[in-house]
Amino acid sequence: MSNHPPVSRELFDEVMVPNYSPSAVIPVRGEGSRVWDQQGKEYIDFAGGIAVNCLGHCHPALVGALKEQGEKLWHLSNVMTNEPALRLAKKLVDNTFAEKVYFANSGAESNEAALKLARRWALEVHGEHKTQIIAFKQGFHGRTFFTVTVGGQAAYSDGFGPKPGDVVHAEYNNLESVKALISEKTCAIVMEPLQGEGGIISPTDEFVKGVRELCDQHNALLVFDEVQTGIGRTGDLYAYMGLGVTPDILTTAKALGGGFPIGAMLTTTEIAKHLKIGTHGSTYGGNPLACAVAEAAFDTVKDSAVLAGVSQKAAIYNEGLNAINDKYHVFKEIRGKGLLIGGVLSDDYQGKAKDFLIAAMEEGVMTLVAGASVVRFAPSLVIPDEDIQEGLARFERAVAKVVNA
């Protein structure tokens, strides 16, 4: 480690494109749900790398898989297949509705593949008129130009010139708004089975089942973006399993690799056949290193004790956050499912989610926001109960700071 020049937050401003504004804290080491910065200060991680670190930092199963595969084979390209990719695909197929898997490197890429597949399927099965994609306001599906256009936040997609066409947006949890848009020209409805970036909003039973029925009536595909909700986050392996609604295409990433970049699109054989040879691809998609780590993450999370632990740990969070709120009255609602939790700020604190995040960091607990008025928590699925309690104690001190500022 010795010959490295010193690295400071100022170096970011010097060498990095200014599209991010990262914290002044530079973490250098993590173990479990605790992280240490350059000065050796300890933080409890309630952010999970934005719902990515499903097993915390440096989990032995993931470190073991990385080391073992790292000594064997890293990359081949898709001119050949490899054993870790096939093992992981088989596990994804065996544990979900899906029959076929396409590997990518991220959630955005998985969604890009899903959108291209939906359009190609509609074109080949139904004809050139069937191109409309319905998505939802405040939805988030990634930052490629197609996925950001489908995402329902104009602030992210405006200002880059002409957008991909025939994409419209309904209101989440408003079935009538979907009915008003859907027609025989609709090829797909794309939705998160719990809106993440849009504010941690769960779908009503009537809404999610109604969307499935509308897709069936109009020969449209239902695409579930489970990039944030998948791999145990809600207490089910995938969120669709807890909703009683099966999509036609599902995308997964974030926690799939437990911190190693990987994404996947899952679908049926009948739909998958439309991405025939040459229609889509990815240089790194399905590389052995990523798939080996993801297989270890998948095996660890799908354990019934881990999945059962999610709702038990969520209960500790909800109880703790409500207790803090009884004292300080900063939240109008604590919502979400499993370990994807949103504290919706009360009217007095609208637009101030970042203030809570900054104060929390100062107190030694890492949190997230979901929009300007929701504080978001997406910790490790195996965070020890004592880390939750200690993190909540630190968060309470942060809340007190903001309230008394």
Protein backbone atom coordinates (compact mmCIF):
# COMPACT_ATOMS: atom_id res chain seq x y z
CA MET A 1 0.00 0.00 0.00
CA SER A 2 2.95 2.32 0.59
CA ASN A 3 3.64 3.98 -2.76
CA HIS A 4 0.17 5.53 -3.23
CA PRO A 5 0.01 9.34 -3.23
CA PRO A 6 -2.35 10.80 -0.61
CA VAL A 7 -6.02 10.81 -1.68
CA SER A 8 -8.37 13.53 -0.48
CA ARG A 9 -11.90 14.65 -1.26
CA GLU A 10 -10.36 17.66 -3.08
CA LEU A 11 -8.86 15.25 -5.61
CA PHE A 12 -12.41 14.32 -6.68
CA ASP A 13 -13.11 17.90 -7.76
CA GLU A 14 -9.81 17.95 -9.63
CA VAL A 15 -10.11 14.72 -11.63
CA MET A 16 -13.77 13.64 -11.72
CA VAL A 17 -16.65 14.78 -13.92
CA PRO A 18 -18.83 16.96 -11.64
CA ASN A 19 -22.09 15.00 -11.97
CA TYR A 20 -21.77 13.68 -8.40
CA SER A 21 -21.29 15.54 -5.16
CA PRO A 22 -19.97 12.86 -2.82
CA SER A 23 -19.66 13.13 0.94
CA ALA A 24 -16.44 14.48 2.40
CA VAL A 25 -16.03 11.08 4.08
CA ILE A 26 -13.88 8.58 2.15
CA PRO A 27 -14.43 5.05 3.48
CA VAL A 28 -11.44 2.73 3.21
CA ARG A 29 -12.58 -0.48 4.91
CA GLY A 30 -15.80 -2.29 5.71
CA GLU A 31 -16.77 -5.37 7.68
CA GLY A 32 -20.35 -6.55 8.10
CA SER A 33 -22.51 -3.46 8.60
CA ARG A 34 -19.67 -1.21 9.80
CA VAL A 35 -17.38 0.98 7.72
CA TRP A 36 -14.25 2.98 8.63
CA ASP A 37 -13.03 6.16 6.93
CA GLN A 38 -9.51 7.47 6.29
CA GLN A 39 -9.32 8.85 9.83
CA GLY A 40 -10.46 5.57 11.37
CA LYS A 41 -13.92 6.87 12.32
CA GLU A 42 -16.56 4.12 12.39
CA TYR A 43 -19.94 4.31 10.66
CA ILE A 44 -22.92 1.98 10.79
CA ASP A 45 -24.19 1.29 7.28
CA PHE A 46 -27.95 1.74 6.87
CA ALA A 47 -27.47 2.60 3.17
CA GLY A 48 -26.12 -0.68 1.85
CA GLY A 49 -24.59 1.01 -1.18
CA ILE A 50 -28.16 1.86 -2.25
CA ALA A 51 -29.62 -1.62 -1.64
CA VAL A 52 -26.59 -3.36 -3.18
CA ASN A 53 -24.63 -4.74 -0.22
CA CYS A 54 -27.25 -7.33 0.73
CA LEU A 55 -24.72 -9.21 2.86
CA GLY A 56 -22.86 -6.19 4.19
CA HIS A 57 -19.17 -5.61 3.54
CA CYS A 58 -16.60 -8.36 2.94
CA HIS A 59 -18.98 -11.24 3.66
CA PRO A 60 -16.86 -14.43 3.84
CA ALA A 61 -18.98 -16.26 1.23
CA LEU A 62 -18.47 -13.45 -1.30
CA VAL A 63 -14.80 -12.91 -0.52
CA GLY A 64 -14.25 -16.67 -0.85
CA ALA A 65 -16.02 -16.85 -4.22
CA LEU A 66 -14.09 -13.84 -5.52
CA LYS A 67 -10.72 -15.24 -4.47
CA GLU A 68 -11.45 -18.71 -5.80
CA GLN A 69 -12.73 -17.54 -9.19
CA GLY A 70 -10.07 -14.83 -9.37
CA GLU A 71 -7.45 -17.59 -9.50
CA LYS A 72 -9.31 -19.41 -12.30
CA LEU A 73 -10.89 -17.31 -15.03
CA TRP A 74 -12.07 -13.71 -15.24
CA HIS A 75 -13.26 -13.04 -18.75
CA LEU A 76 -13.89 -14.86 -22.01
CA SER A 77 -16.48 -12.84 -23.98
CA ASN A 78 -19.73 -14.35 -25.18
CA VAL A 79 -18.04 -16.20 -28.02
CA MET A 80 -17.90 -18.86 -25.29
CA THR A 81 -20.03 -19.61 -22.27
CA ASN A 82 -18.69 -20.42 -18.80
CA GLU A 83 -19.60 -22.54 -15.80
CA PRO A 84 -20.41 -19.82 -13.22
CA ALA A 85 -22.81 -18.10 -15.66
CA LEU A 86 -24.64 -21.34 -16.37
CA ARG A 87 -24.85 -22.29 -12.69
CA LEU A 88 -26.22 -18.87 -11.75
CA ALA A 89 -28.72 -18.86 -14.64
CA LYS A 90 -29.96 -22.33 -13.61
CA LYS A 91 -30.51 -21.11 -10.03
CA LEU A 92 -32.37 -18.01 -11.20
CA VAL A 93 -34.61 -20.13 -13.43
CA ASP A 94 -35.21 -22.78 -10.75
CA ASN A 95 -36.22 -20.20 -8.14
CA THR A 96 -38.45 -17.87 -10.21
CA PHE A 97 -41.17 -17.91 -12.88
CA ALA A 98 -38.50 -17.50 -15.55
CA GLU A 99 -37.16 -20.01 -18.06
CA LYS A 100 -34.44 -17.92 -19.70
CA VAL A 101 -31.79 -15.47 -18.47
CA TYR A 102 -29.77 -12.69 -20.13
CA PHE A 103 -26.79 -11.29 -18.20
CA ALA A 104 -25.70 -7.65 -18.16
CA ASN A 105 -23.59 -5.47 -15.85
CA SER A 106 -26.16 -3.20 -14.21
CA GLY A 107 -29.81 -2.49 -13.62
CA ALA A 108 -29.96 0.04 -16.43
CA GLU A 109 -28.51 -2.49 -18.87
CA SER A 110 -30.94 -5.17 -17.71
CA ASN A 111 -33.82 -2.73 -18.24
CA GLU A 112 -32.45 -1.71 -21.63
CA ALA A 113 -32.52 -5.38 -22.62
CA ALA A 114 -36.06 -5.78 -21.29
CA LEU A 115 -37.32 -2.76 -23.23
CA LYS A 116 -35.64 -3.84 -26.46
CA LEU A 117 -37.03 -7.34 -26.03
CA ALA A 118 -40.57 -6.04 -25.40
CA ARG A 119 -40.44 -3.92 -28.56
CA ARG A 120 -38.95 -6.75 -30.64
CA TRP A 121 -41.54 -9.24 -29.33
CA ALA A 122 -44.40 -6.88 -30.15
CA LEU A 123 -43.07 -6.15 -33.62
CA GLU A 124 -42.62 -9.81 -34.53
CA VAL A 125 -45.74 -11.20 -32.87
CA HIS A 126 -48.25 -8.37 -33.37
CA GLY A 127 -46.88 -5.97 -35.98
CA GLU A 128 -45.45 -2.48 -36.40
CA HIS A 129 -48.35 -0.63 -34.75
CA LYS A 130 -47.59 -2.07 -31.31
CA THR A 131 -44.80 0.07 -29.89
CA GLN A 132 -46.20 2.07 -26.96
CA ILE A 133 -44.55 1.66 -23.56
CA ILE A 134 -46.47 2.73 -20.45
CA ALA A 135 -44.39 3.53 -17.37
CA PHE A 136 -45.06 5.56 -14.21
CA LYS A 137 -44.42 9.05 -12.95
CA GLN A 138 -41.65 9.11 -10.33
CA GLY A 139 -40.48 5.73 -11.60
CA PHE A 140 -36.77 5.05 -12.00
CA HIS A 141 -35.24 2.54 -14.42
CA GLY A 142 -31.65 3.68 -14.98
CA ARG A 143 -29.67 6.34 -16.83
CA THR A 144 -29.22 5.08 -20.37
CA PHE A 145 -31.20 7.26 -22.75
CA PHE A 146 -33.95 4.66 -23.27
CA THR A 147 -34.29 3.73 -19.58
CA VAL A 148 -34.17 7.32 -18.34
CA THR A 149 -36.91 8.22 -20.82
CA VAL A 150 -39.05 5.36 -19.52
CA GLY A 151 -38.27 6.52 -15.98
CA GLY A 152 -40.87 9.02 -14.85
CA GLN A 153 -38.68 11.94 -13.74
CA ALA A 154 -38.24 14.55 -16.45
CA ALA A 155 -35.39 16.21 -14.52
CA TYR A 156 -33.24 13.16 -15.36
CA SER A 157 -34.19 12.83 -19.04
CA ASP A 158 -34.58 16.46 -20.21
CA GLY A 159 -31.75 18.38 -21.82
CA PHE A 160 -30.20 15.68 -24.00
CA GLY A 161 -32.09 16.30 -27.23
CA PRO A 162 -34.81 14.15 -28.83
CA LYS A 163 -35.93 11.22 -26.68
CA PRO A 164 -36.87 7.69 -27.72
CA GLY A 165 -40.51 7.90 -28.77
CA ASP A 166 -43.84 6.32 -27.82
CA VAL A 167 -43.21 6.30 -24.07
CA VAL A 168 -46.02 7.57 -21.83
CA HIS A 169 -46.45 7.85 -18.07
CA ALA A 170 -49.37 6.93 -15.84
CA GLU A 171 -49.73 7.55 -12.09
CA TYR A 172 -48.57 4.84 -9.73
CA ASN A 173 -51.44 3.30 -7.72
CA ASN A 174 -53.98 4.92 -10.06
CA LEU A 175 -55.45 2.18 -12.23
CA GLU A 176 -57.75 4.61 -14.04
CA SER A 177 -54.71 6.54 -15.31
CA VAL A 178 -53.39 3.31 -16.85
CA LYS A 179 -56.76 2.49 -18.42
CA ALA A 180 -56.79 5.95 -20.00
CA LEU A 181 -53.49 5.23 -21.82
CA ILE A 182 -53.56 1.54 -22.68
CA SER A 183 -54.67 0.30 -26.09
CA GLU A 184 -53.88 -2.37 -28.68
CA LYS A 185 -50.81 -0.24 -29.51
CA THR A 186 -49.32 -0.85 -26.07
CA CYS A 187 -46.45 -3.35 -26.11
CA ALA A 188 -45.49 -3.22 -22.43
CA ILE A 189 -46.18 -1.75 -19.01
CA VAL A 190 -42.96 -1.22 -17.09
CA MET A 191 -43.12 -0.78 -13.32
CA GLU A 192 -41.32 -1.23 -10.04
CA PRO A 193 -43.25 -3.54 -7.70
CA LEU A 194 -42.42 -0.92 -5.05
CA GLN A 195 -41.24 2.50 -6.19
CA GLY A 196 -37.75 3.12 -4.83
CA GLU A 197 -36.26 6.44 -5.95
CA GLY A 198 -39.81 7.79 -6.25
CA GLY A 199 -40.28 7.69 -2.47
CA ILE A 200 -40.63 4.06 -1.25
CA ILE A 201 -44.22 3.59 -2.39
CA SER A 202 -45.83 0.15 -2.20
CA PRO A 203 -48.46 -0.80 -4.76
CA THR A 204 -51.99 -1.49 -3.59
CA ASP A 205 -53.26 -5.02 -4.19
CA GLU A 206 -55.97 -3.71 -6.51
CA PHE A 207 -53.48 -1.68 -8.55
CA VAL A 208 -50.82 -4.33 -9.16
CA LYS A 209 -53.38 -7.03 -9.98
CA GLY A 210 -55.30 -4.58 -12.15
CA VAL A 211 -52.17 -3.73 -14.16
CA ARG A 212 -51.57 -7.45 -14.79
CA GLU A 213 -55.18 -7.85 -16.00
CA LEU A 214 -54.90 -4.83 -18.32
CA CYS A 215 -51.74 -6.28 -19.86
CA ASP A 216 -53.54 -9.59 -20.47
CA GLN A 217 -56.54 -7.84 -22.03
CA HIS A 218 -54.40 -5.78 -24.42
CA ASN A 219 -51.71 -8.36 -25.29
CA ALA A 220 -49.04 -6.28 -23.58
CA LEU A 221 -46.08 -7.56 -21.57
CA LEU A 222 -45.74 -6.75 -17.88
CA VAL A 223 -42.15 -5.83 -17.06
CA PHE A 224 -41.17 -5.70 -13.39
CA ASP A 225 -38.06 -3.69 -12.58
CA GLU A 226 -36.83 -5.53 -9.47
CA VAL A 227 -33.38 -3.96 -9.54
CA GLN A 228 -33.89 -2.52 -6.05
CA THR A 229 -36.61 -4.83 -4.68
CA GLY A 230 -35.06 -8.15 -5.72
CA ILE A 231 -32.78 -10.61 -3.89
CA GLY A 232 -34.59 -10.65 -0.55
CA ARG A 233 -34.99 -6.91 -0.02
CA THR A 234 -38.75 -7.09 0.70
CA GLY A 235 -38.57 -10.41 2.57
CA ASP A 236 -39.42 -12.47 -0.52
CA LEU A 237 -36.68 -13.59 -2.90
CA TYR A 238 -38.35 -11.28 -5.44
CA ALA A 239 -41.09 -8.79 -4.60
CA TYR A 240 -43.51 -10.20 -7.20
CA MET A 241 -43.75 -13.36 -5.08
CA GLY A 242 -45.31 -11.42 -2.23
CA LEU A 243 -47.76 -9.62 -4.52
CA GLY A 244 -49.39 -12.64 -6.16
CA VAL A 245 -48.64 -11.21 -9.60
CA THR A 246 -46.21 -12.74 -12.08
CA PRO A 247 -44.54 -10.48 -14.67
CA ASP A 248 -43.55 -11.55 -18.20
CA ILE A 249 -40.08 -10.02 -17.88
CA LEU A 250 -38.19 -9.27 -14.66
CA THR A 251 -34.96 -7.32 -14.23
CA THR A 252 -32.55 -7.80 -11.36
CA ALA A 253 -29.20 -6.22 -10.43
CA LYS A 254 -27.97 -4.24 -7.38
CA ALA A 255 -28.01 -6.94 -4.65
CA LEU A 256 -27.65 -9.76 -7.20
CA GLY A 257 -23.86 -9.44 -6.97
CA GLY A 258 -23.76 -8.36 -3.33
CA GLY A 259 -21.53 -5.44 -4.38
CA PHE A 260 -19.97 -6.85 -7.54
CA PRO A 261 -21.47 -5.31 -10.72
CA ILE A 262 -23.92 -7.69 -12.42
CA GLY A 263 -27.46 -7.54 -13.75
CA ALA A 264 -29.86 -9.96 -15.36
CA MET A 265 -33.09 -10.00 -17.33
CA LEU A 266 -35.38 -12.97 -16.73
CA THR A 267 -38.24 -14.08 -18.98
CA THR A 268 -40.04 -17.04 -20.53
CA THR A 269 -38.79 -19.20 -23.39
CA GLU A 270 -41.62 -17.99 -25.63
CA ILE A 271 -40.71 -14.31 -25.20
CA ALA A 272 -36.94 -14.87 -25.07
CA LYS A 273 -36.83 -16.39 -28.55
CA HIS A 274 -37.23 -12.90 -30.03
CA LEU A 275 -33.74 -11.88 -28.89
CA LYS A 276 -32.18 -14.21 -31.41
CA ILE A 277 -28.50 -14.28 -32.37
CA GLY A 278 -27.17 -10.80 -33.07
CA THR A 279 -30.14 -8.79 -31.73
CA HIS A 280 -28.54 -7.73 -28.43
CA GLY A 281 -25.30 -8.24 -26.54
CA SER A 282 -22.85 -7.22 -23.84
CA THR A 283 -19.06 -7.57 -23.73
CA TYR A 284 -18.87 -8.24 -20.00
CA GLY A 285 -22.38 -9.64 -19.45
CA GLY A 286 -22.16 -13.03 -17.77
CA ASN A 287 -18.43 -12.87 -17.12
CA PRO A 288 -17.20 -15.68 -14.83
CA LEU A 289 -15.96 -13.42 -12.03
CA ALA A 290 -19.26 -11.56 -11.60
CA CYS A 291 -21.33 -14.73 -11.92
CA ALA A 292 -19.25 -16.62 -9.35
CA VAL A 293 -19.71 -13.85 -6.79
CA ALA A 294 -23.41 -13.50 -7.62
CA GLU A 295 -23.94 -17.24 -7.22
CA ALA A 296 -22.49 -17.06 -3.71
CA ALA A 297 -24.71 -14.06 -2.89
CA PHE A 298 -27.79 -15.78 -4.29
CA ASP A 299 -27.14 -19.01 -2.38
CA THR A 300 -26.66 -17.09 0.86
CA VAL A 301 -29.73 -14.86 0.56
CA LYS A 302 -32.24 -17.48 -0.57
CA ASP A 303 -31.74 -19.35 2.70
CA SER A 304 -35.14 -19.34 4.43
CA ALA A 305 -33.63 -18.08 7.70
CA VAL A 306 -32.13 -15.04 5.95
CA LEU A 307 -35.43 -14.24 4.20
CA ALA A 308 -37.40 -14.69 7.45
CA GLY A 309 -34.89 -12.44 9.20
CA VAL A 310 -35.71 -9.56 6.87
CA SER A 311 -39.18 -8.95 8.30
CA GLN A 312 -37.93 -9.49 11.85
CA LYS A 313 -35.22 -6.85 11.34
CA ALA A 314 -37.71 -4.56 9.58
CA ALA A 315 -39.88 -4.69 12.71
CA ILE A 316 -36.93 -3.45 14.82
CA TYR A 317 -36.46 -0.54 12.41
CA ASN A 318 -40.13 0.37 12.36
CA GLU A 319 -40.40 0.25 16.13
CA GLY A 320 -37.21 2.28 16.57
CA LEU A 321 -38.10 4.91 13.97
CA ASN A 322 -41.60 5.31 15.41
CA ALA A 323 -40.11 5.75 18.89
CA ILE A 324 -37.79 8.47 17.58
CA ASN A 325 -40.74 10.08 15.85
CA ASP A 326 -42.85 10.07 19.02
CA LYS A 327 -40.20 12.35 20.50
CA TYR A 328 -39.31 14.58 17.56
CA HIS A 329 -42.32 14.49 15.17
CA VAL A 330 -40.24 14.67 11.99
CA PHE A 331 -42.02 11.92 10.01
CA LYS A 332 -45.60 11.79 8.81
CA GLU A 333 -45.24 8.11 7.88
CA ILE A 334 -42.79 5.22 8.00
CA ARG A 335 -43.44 3.08 4.92
CA GLY A 336 -41.96 0.44 2.65
CA LYS A 337 -41.61 -3.33 2.81
CA GLY A 338 -38.94 -5.49 4.38
CA LEU A 339 -35.61 -3.68 4.56
CA LEU A 340 -36.52 -0.99 2.03
CA ILE A 341 -37.82 1.63 4.43
CA GLY A 342 -38.83 5.25 3.88
CA GLY A 343 -39.35 7.90 6.52
CA VAL A 344 -41.63 10.49 4.92
CA LEU A 345 -40.81 13.90 6.37
CA SER A 346 -43.60 15.90 7.98
CA ASP A 347 -44.75 19.24 6.55
CA ASP A 348 -42.29 21.21 8.69
CA TYR A 349 -39.35 19.34 7.18
CA GLN A 350 -40.39 19.04 3.51
CA GLY A 351 -37.40 19.16 1.14
CA LYS A 352 -34.91 18.57 3.96
CA ALA A 353 -34.08 14.87 3.60
CA LYS A 354 -30.46 15.76 2.74
CA ASP A 355 -30.14 17.63 6.07
CA PHE A 356 -30.96 14.40 7.91
CA LEU A 357 -28.50 12.43 5.77
CA ILE A 358 -25.67 14.88 6.49
CA ALA A 359 -26.42 15.00 10.23
CA ALA A 360 -26.58 11.20 10.33
CA MET A 361 -23.17 10.95 8.68
CA GLU A 362 -21.73 13.29 11.32
CA GLU A 363 -23.17 11.01 14.01
CA GLY A 364 -21.66 7.91 12.39
CA VAL A 365 -24.57 6.33 10.53
CA MET A 366 -24.93 6.13 6.74
CA THR A 367 -28.44 6.70 5.36
CA LEU A 368 -30.02 7.53 1.99
CA VAL A 369 -32.73 9.76 0.57
CA ALA A 370 -35.53 8.92 -1.90
CA GLY A 371 -36.37 12.33 -3.28
CA ALA A 372 -36.09 15.53 -1.28
CA SER A 373 -38.57 14.59 1.45
CA VAL A 374 -37.99 10.90 2.22
CA VAL A 375 -35.15 9.45 4.30
CA ARG A 376 -34.41 5.95 2.96
CA PHE A 377 -32.87 2.95 4.70
CA ALA A 378 -31.64 -0.09 2.72
CA PRO A 379 -29.25 -1.93 5.05
CA SER A 380 -27.68 -5.36 4.74
CA LEU A 381 -30.27 -8.15 4.97
CA VAL A 382 -28.10 -9.79 7.64
CA ILE A 383 -27.29 -6.67 9.69
CA PRO A 384 -26.90 -7.75 13.34
CA ASP A 385 -29.73 -6.55 15.60
CA GLU A 386 -27.21 -4.73 17.82
CA ASP A 387 -25.99 -2.76 14.80
CA ILE A 388 -29.58 -1.72 14.07
CA GLN A 389 -30.03 -0.53 17.67
CA GLU A 390 -26.71 1.33 17.73
CA GLY A 391 -27.38 2.87 14.31
CA LEU A 392 -30.84 4.01 15.41
CA ALA A 393 -29.33 5.60 18.54
CA ARG A 394 -26.93 7.53 16.31
CA PHE A 395 -29.76 8.43 13.95
CA GLU A 396 -31.79 9.76 16.88
CA ARG A 397 -28.91 12.09 17.80
CA ALA A 398 -28.86 13.28 14.17
CA VAL A 399 -32.61 13.94 14.25
CA ALA A 400 -32.22 15.92 17.46
CA LYS A 401 -29.49 17.98 15.78
CA VAL A 402 -31.68 18.83 12.78
CA VAL A 403 -34.70 19.63 14.97
CA ASN A 404 -32.67 21.89 17.26
CA ALA A 405 -30.69 23.57 14.51
